[in-house]
Amino acid sequence: MRPSEQLKQSCIEDWLKATNHPFCIELADGSLPLDKMRVYLAQDYTFIDNFVRLAASAIHHAPALPDRLPLAHFLGIIAGPENTYFQRSFDMLSVPESERTAPQLLKPTNDFQALMLKAANSGEYGNMIAVLCVAEWVYLSWAQPFSESVESVEGLPFYFGEWITLHSGEYFESVIEHLRTQLDTVFNNAEPAKQKVMQDYFNQAVLLEKQFFDACYQ
C-alpha cells in the first residue's frame, strides 16, 4: 500500500465524512442554499494567500526541478482560472465587498490557515506536501464522482458546476498524483520520528477539511 494511502487510512473516518459531506452532495445537485454557498466561497477564498505561500515554500524545498514544475504550473491555475471563478461567483451571488476581502473567519478556517503557515515555516518538505496533498486530494475525491453528471443537472449555475470541474478531470488528477508521489517518496525516505510528524499534519488537515464543511453547512 502506498504511504499516501496508508496516511488516508489512518484517518479514514474523517476522510469519508469530508468527501461525502452533505454540503458537497447538495452543491453537486444544485440544492445547496445560496447563503451557505456565499459563506463557503468567502471563507474558501481566504485560503488562496496562505496556499500560495505554502506551495511556494514547497517548490523551494523540493528536491529537484522535475519535482517543482508540476506544482509551479498548478499555482498558475490557482492564480488564474480559480481566482477568476471566485470573482465571477462573488458578483453573481452579490457577496458584499467586506465579505470578499475580510470576512470574519470561522474557527476551522482560522485553524487551517494556521496549519498551512506552520507547515510552510517548518522547513520540512514532507510536512508541506502532506498538507497540500490533503487540501487537493479531498476535493478530487468528492468532486470526481459528480464530474460526468454535472452537465446533465438542468439549470445548474456555474458557481456550482464549475467548482466541480475545477476539481476533477485528467489535469487535476495529474496534480493529485504528483502530490501523492512526492508524499510517498519523502515519507519512505524519512526517519520514523519525521514520519509521525507528517502523519500528524496529514490527519489534522483531513479533520479540518471536515470541520470546514461542517461550519459552512451549519
Protein backbone atom coordinates (compact mmCIF):
# COMPACT_ATOMS: atom_id res chain seq x y z
CA MET A 1 0.00 0.00 0.00
CA ARG A 2 1.31 3.43 -0.90
CA PRO A 3 2.30 5.64 2.05
CA SER A 4 -0.23 8.26 0.93
CA GLU A 5 -2.95 5.62 1.07
CA GLN A 6 -1.73 4.47 4.49
CA LEU A 7 -1.98 8.06 5.71
CA LYS A 8 -5.51 8.33 4.36
CA GLN A 9 -6.49 5.06 6.05
CA SER A 10 -5.10 6.35 9.36
CA CYS A 11 -7.90 8.95 9.43
CA ILE A 12 -10.45 7.27 7.18
CA GLU A 13 -13.47 8.18 9.30
CA ASP A 14 -12.81 11.91 8.98
CA TRP A 15 -11.81 11.44 5.33
CA LEU A 16 -15.13 9.80 4.45
CA LYS A 17 -17.10 12.44 6.34
CA ALA A 18 -15.28 15.19 4.43
CA THR A 19 -15.53 13.61 0.98
CA ASN A 20 -19.18 12.55 1.36
CA HIS A 21 -20.37 15.66 3.13
CA PRO A 22 -23.96 16.86 2.64
CA PHE A 23 -22.51 20.23 1.61
CA CYS A 24 -20.75 18.63 -1.36
CA ILE A 25 -23.73 16.48 -2.33
CA GLU A 26 -26.12 19.43 -2.30
CA LEU A 27 -23.65 21.60 -4.20
CA ALA A 28 -23.45 18.97 -6.93
CA ASP A 29 -27.21 18.62 -7.38
CA GLY A 30 -27.87 22.35 -7.11
CA SER A 31 -29.92 22.19 -3.91
CA LEU A 32 -27.37 23.89 -1.64
CA PRO A 33 -28.88 27.08 -0.15
CA LEU A 34 -27.18 30.13 -1.61
CA ASP A 35 -26.49 31.68 1.79
CA LYS A 36 -24.33 28.64 2.61
CA MET A 37 -22.52 28.93 -0.73
CA ARG A 38 -21.82 32.62 -0.09
CA VAL A 39 -20.29 31.82 3.30
CA TYR A 40 -18.29 28.95 1.85
CA LEU A 41 -16.85 30.96 -1.05
CA ALA A 42 -15.94 33.92 1.14
CA GLN A 43 -14.20 31.64 3.64
CA ASP A 44 -12.52 29.48 0.99
CA TYR A 45 -11.17 32.48 -0.89
CA THR A 46 -9.15 33.46 2.18
CA PHE A 47 -7.12 30.26 1.79
CA ILE A 48 -5.56 31.35 -1.50
CA ASP A 49 -2.99 33.67 0.05
CA ASN A 50 -1.57 31.12 2.50
CA PHE A 51 -1.98 28.30 -0.01
CA VAL A 52 0.27 30.21 -2.39
CA ARG A 53 2.77 30.76 0.42
CA LEU A 54 2.73 27.08 1.33
CA ALA A 55 3.02 25.91 -2.28
CA ALA A 56 5.83 28.38 -2.96
CA SER A 57 7.69 27.12 0.09
CA ALA A 58 7.21 23.52 -1.08
CA ILE A 59 8.51 24.45 -4.54
CA HIS A 60 11.57 26.00 -2.90
CA HIS A 61 12.23 22.91 -0.75
CA ALA A 62 11.51 20.31 -3.43
CA PRO A 63 14.48 18.07 -4.30
CA ALA A 64 14.82 18.94 -7.99
CA LEU A 65 13.26 20.79 -10.92
CA PRO A 66 11.03 17.87 -12.04
CA ASP A 67 9.56 17.88 -8.52
CA ARG A 68 8.94 21.64 -8.66
CA LEU A 69 7.44 22.15 -12.10
CA PRO A 70 4.02 20.44 -11.72
CA LEU A 71 3.26 22.38 -8.55
CA ALA A 72 4.52 25.62 -10.10
CA HIS A 73 2.19 25.06 -13.05
CA PHE A 74 -0.71 24.38 -10.69
CA LEU A 75 -0.06 27.67 -8.92
CA GLY A 76 -0.78 29.35 -12.23
CA ILE A 77 -4.22 27.71 -12.25
CA ILE A 78 -4.90 28.94 -8.72
CA ALA A 79 -3.83 32.48 -9.61
CA GLY A 80 -5.69 32.40 -12.95
CA PRO A 81 -8.89 30.40 -13.62
CA GLU A 82 -9.65 29.61 -9.97
CA ASN A 83 -9.19 33.19 -8.82
CA THR A 84 -11.39 34.37 -11.71
CA TYR A 85 -14.05 31.81 -10.74
CA PHE A 86 -14.24 33.31 -7.25
CA GLN A 87 -14.63 36.86 -8.59
CA ARG A 88 -17.37 35.84 -11.05
CA SER A 89 -19.17 33.89 -8.32
CA PHE A 90 -18.95 36.77 -5.86
CA ASP A 91 -20.52 39.06 -8.46
CA MET A 92 -23.30 36.63 -9.39
CA LEU A 93 -24.15 35.86 -5.76
CA SER A 94 -23.92 39.53 -4.68
CA VAL A 95 -21.36 38.81 -1.99
CA PRO A 96 -20.63 42.10 -0.16
CA GLU A 97 -17.19 43.62 -0.66
CA SER A 98 -16.42 43.28 3.04
CA GLU A 99 -17.04 39.52 2.84
CA ARG A 100 -14.86 39.22 -0.25
CA THR A 101 -11.86 40.96 1.26
CA ALA A 102 -12.07 40.49 5.04
CA PRO A 103 -14.73 38.05 6.23
CA GLN A 104 -14.89 37.06 9.87
CA LEU A 105 -13.10 33.73 9.84
CA LEU A 106 -14.82 30.60 11.06
CA LYS A 107 -12.75 28.59 13.52
CA PRO A 108 -11.87 25.78 11.06
CA THR A 109 -10.83 28.41 8.50
CA ASN A 110 -8.57 30.08 11.02
CA ASP A 111 -7.15 26.75 12.20
CA PHE A 112 -6.43 25.58 8.65
CA GLN A 113 -4.72 28.88 7.88
CA ALA A 114 -2.51 28.32 10.92
CA LEU A 115 -1.73 24.75 9.86
CA MET A 116 -0.66 25.86 6.38
CA LEU A 117 1.65 28.52 7.80
CA LYS A 118 3.04 26.08 10.36
CA ALA A 119 3.87 23.61 7.59
CA ALA A 120 5.39 26.34 5.42
CA ASN A 121 7.55 27.60 8.29
CA SER A 122 8.63 24.12 9.40
CA GLY A 123 11.26 23.94 6.69
CA GLU A 124 10.29 20.29 6.11
CA TYR A 125 9.20 19.40 2.59
CA GLY A 126 7.27 16.37 3.84
CA ASN A 127 5.10 18.48 6.17
CA MET A 128 4.32 20.90 3.35
CA ILE A 129 3.41 18.16 0.88
CA ALA A 130 1.27 16.37 3.48
CA VAL A 131 -0.95 19.44 3.91
CA LEU A 132 -1.02 20.30 0.20
CA CYS A 133 -1.91 16.72 -0.69
CA VAL A 134 -4.87 16.68 1.69
CA ALA A 135 -6.11 20.09 0.56
CA GLU A 136 -6.35 18.98 -3.08
CA TRP A 137 -6.94 15.22 -2.78
CA VAL A 138 -10.03 15.69 -0.62
CA TYR A 139 -11.50 17.91 -3.33
CA LEU A 140 -10.75 15.44 -6.11
CA SER A 141 -12.30 12.66 -4.03
CA TRP A 142 -15.63 14.43 -3.54
CA ALA A 143 -15.83 16.17 -6.93
CA GLN A 144 -14.76 13.36 -9.25
CA PRO A 145 -17.91 11.20 -8.79
CA PHE A 146 -20.02 14.15 -9.96
CA SER A 147 -17.80 15.23 -12.86
CA GLU A 148 -19.63 13.28 -15.55
CA SER A 149 -23.14 14.10 -14.36
CA VAL A 150 -22.68 17.80 -13.61
CA GLU A 151 -23.62 18.90 -17.13
CA SER A 152 -26.82 16.86 -17.01
CA VAL A 153 -28.17 18.69 -13.96
CA GLU A 154 -30.70 21.05 -15.52
CA GLY A 155 -30.13 24.69 -14.70
CA LEU A 156 -27.06 24.07 -12.51
CA PRO A 157 -25.46 27.51 -12.03
CA PHE A 158 -21.80 27.91 -12.97
CA TYR A 159 -20.81 28.64 -9.37
CA PHE A 160 -21.82 25.06 -8.56
CA GLY A 161 -20.87 23.24 -11.75
CA GLU A 162 -17.59 25.00 -12.43
CA TRP A 163 -16.39 24.37 -8.88
CA ILE A 164 -16.74 20.66 -9.61
CA THR A 165 -14.99 20.80 -12.99
CA LEU A 166 -12.11 22.79 -11.47
CA HIS A 167 -11.54 19.91 -9.04
CA SER A 168 -11.92 16.93 -11.35
CA GLY A 169 -10.75 15.69 -14.72
CA GLU A 170 -7.48 14.48 -16.19
CA TYR A 171 -5.34 17.51 -15.37
CA PHE A 172 -6.46 17.79 -11.75
CA GLU A 173 -5.95 14.04 -11.34
CA SER A 174 -2.35 14.52 -12.53
CA VAL A 175 -1.82 17.20 -9.87
CA ILE A 176 -3.03 14.86 -7.14
CA GLU A 177 -0.90 12.02 -8.48
CA HIS A 178 2.16 14.27 -8.39
CA LEU A 179 1.44 15.33 -4.80
CA ARG A 180 0.83 11.73 -3.74
CA THR A 181 4.03 10.54 -5.42
CA GLN A 182 6.01 13.29 -3.70
CA LEU A 183 4.43 12.37 -0.37
CA ASP A 184 5.12 8.66 -0.93
CA THR A 185 8.77 9.32 -1.68
CA VAL A 186 9.54 11.71 1.16
CA PHE A 187 7.64 9.54 3.66
CA ASN A 188 9.54 6.40 2.63
CA ASN A 189 12.84 8.23 2.98
CA ALA A 190 12.04 9.79 6.37
CA GLU A 191 13.03 8.54 9.79
CA PRO A 192 10.17 7.23 11.97
CA ALA A 193 10.02 10.43 14.05
CA LYS A 194 9.55 12.57 10.94
CA GLN A 195 7.03 10.12 9.54
CA LYS A 196 4.99 10.57 12.71
CA VAL A 197 5.07 14.35 12.29
CA MET A 198 3.97 14.06 8.66
CA GLN A 199 1.09 11.82 9.71
CA ASP A 200 0.05 14.35 12.34
CA TYR A 201 -0.02 17.11 9.68
CA PHE A 202 -1.99 14.88 7.30
CA ASN A 203 -4.54 13.82 9.92
CA GLN A 204 -5.03 17.35 11.20
CA ALA A 205 -5.58 18.65 7.67
CA VAL A 206 -8.24 15.99 6.99
CA LEU A 207 -10.04 16.79 10.25
CA LEU A 208 -10.02 20.50 9.42
CA GLU A 209 -11.41 19.86 5.93
CA LYS A 210 -14.31 18.00 7.53
CA GLN A 211 -14.81 20.72 10.14
CA PHE A 212 -14.67 23.40 7.44
CA PHE A 213 -17.54 21.80 5.52
CA ASP A 214 -19.44 21.38 8.82
CA ALA A 215 -19.06 25.04 9.71
CA CYS A 216 -20.08 26.33 6.27
CA TYR A 217 -23.04 23.95 6.12
CA GLN A 218 -24.31 24.91 9.55
